[in-house]
């Protein structure tokens, strides 16, 4: 069974950058939709970005477009979320999630409830 482990979280000041990693074990992420979500306690989980590893289709929410960039390594074992110009509003627990795609599907239309494999989450705190 696919397992995901996030890393790279931490505490930074506003305007700084971080890169999160989502490492897959037991399987590669070929033909998967992989997404990044974040959640603040007491609030709904927010879908930030996603990509389809087979064709590179990507999506970014308005809240992170232009600041966050998703990528994958060539072996499709690790997916990254590079975050620039971090703001206090970005403080949250960040999760990666994956769903194997049997057909070509735009990842933007895949809801969080369809992703069936999740990492444990990593905390990001942005504060001066």
Foldseek 3Di string as FASTA:
>chain_A
DKAWAKDWADEEAFFAKTKMKIFIPPDAQQQKKKWKWWDDPPDDIGTAKIAGNPPGQMDGDPVQPPFWDWDADPRRGMIMIIGGRDDQVPWTWMKMFMDHDPDDDRSVPDDPVRGDYMHPTDTHGYHD
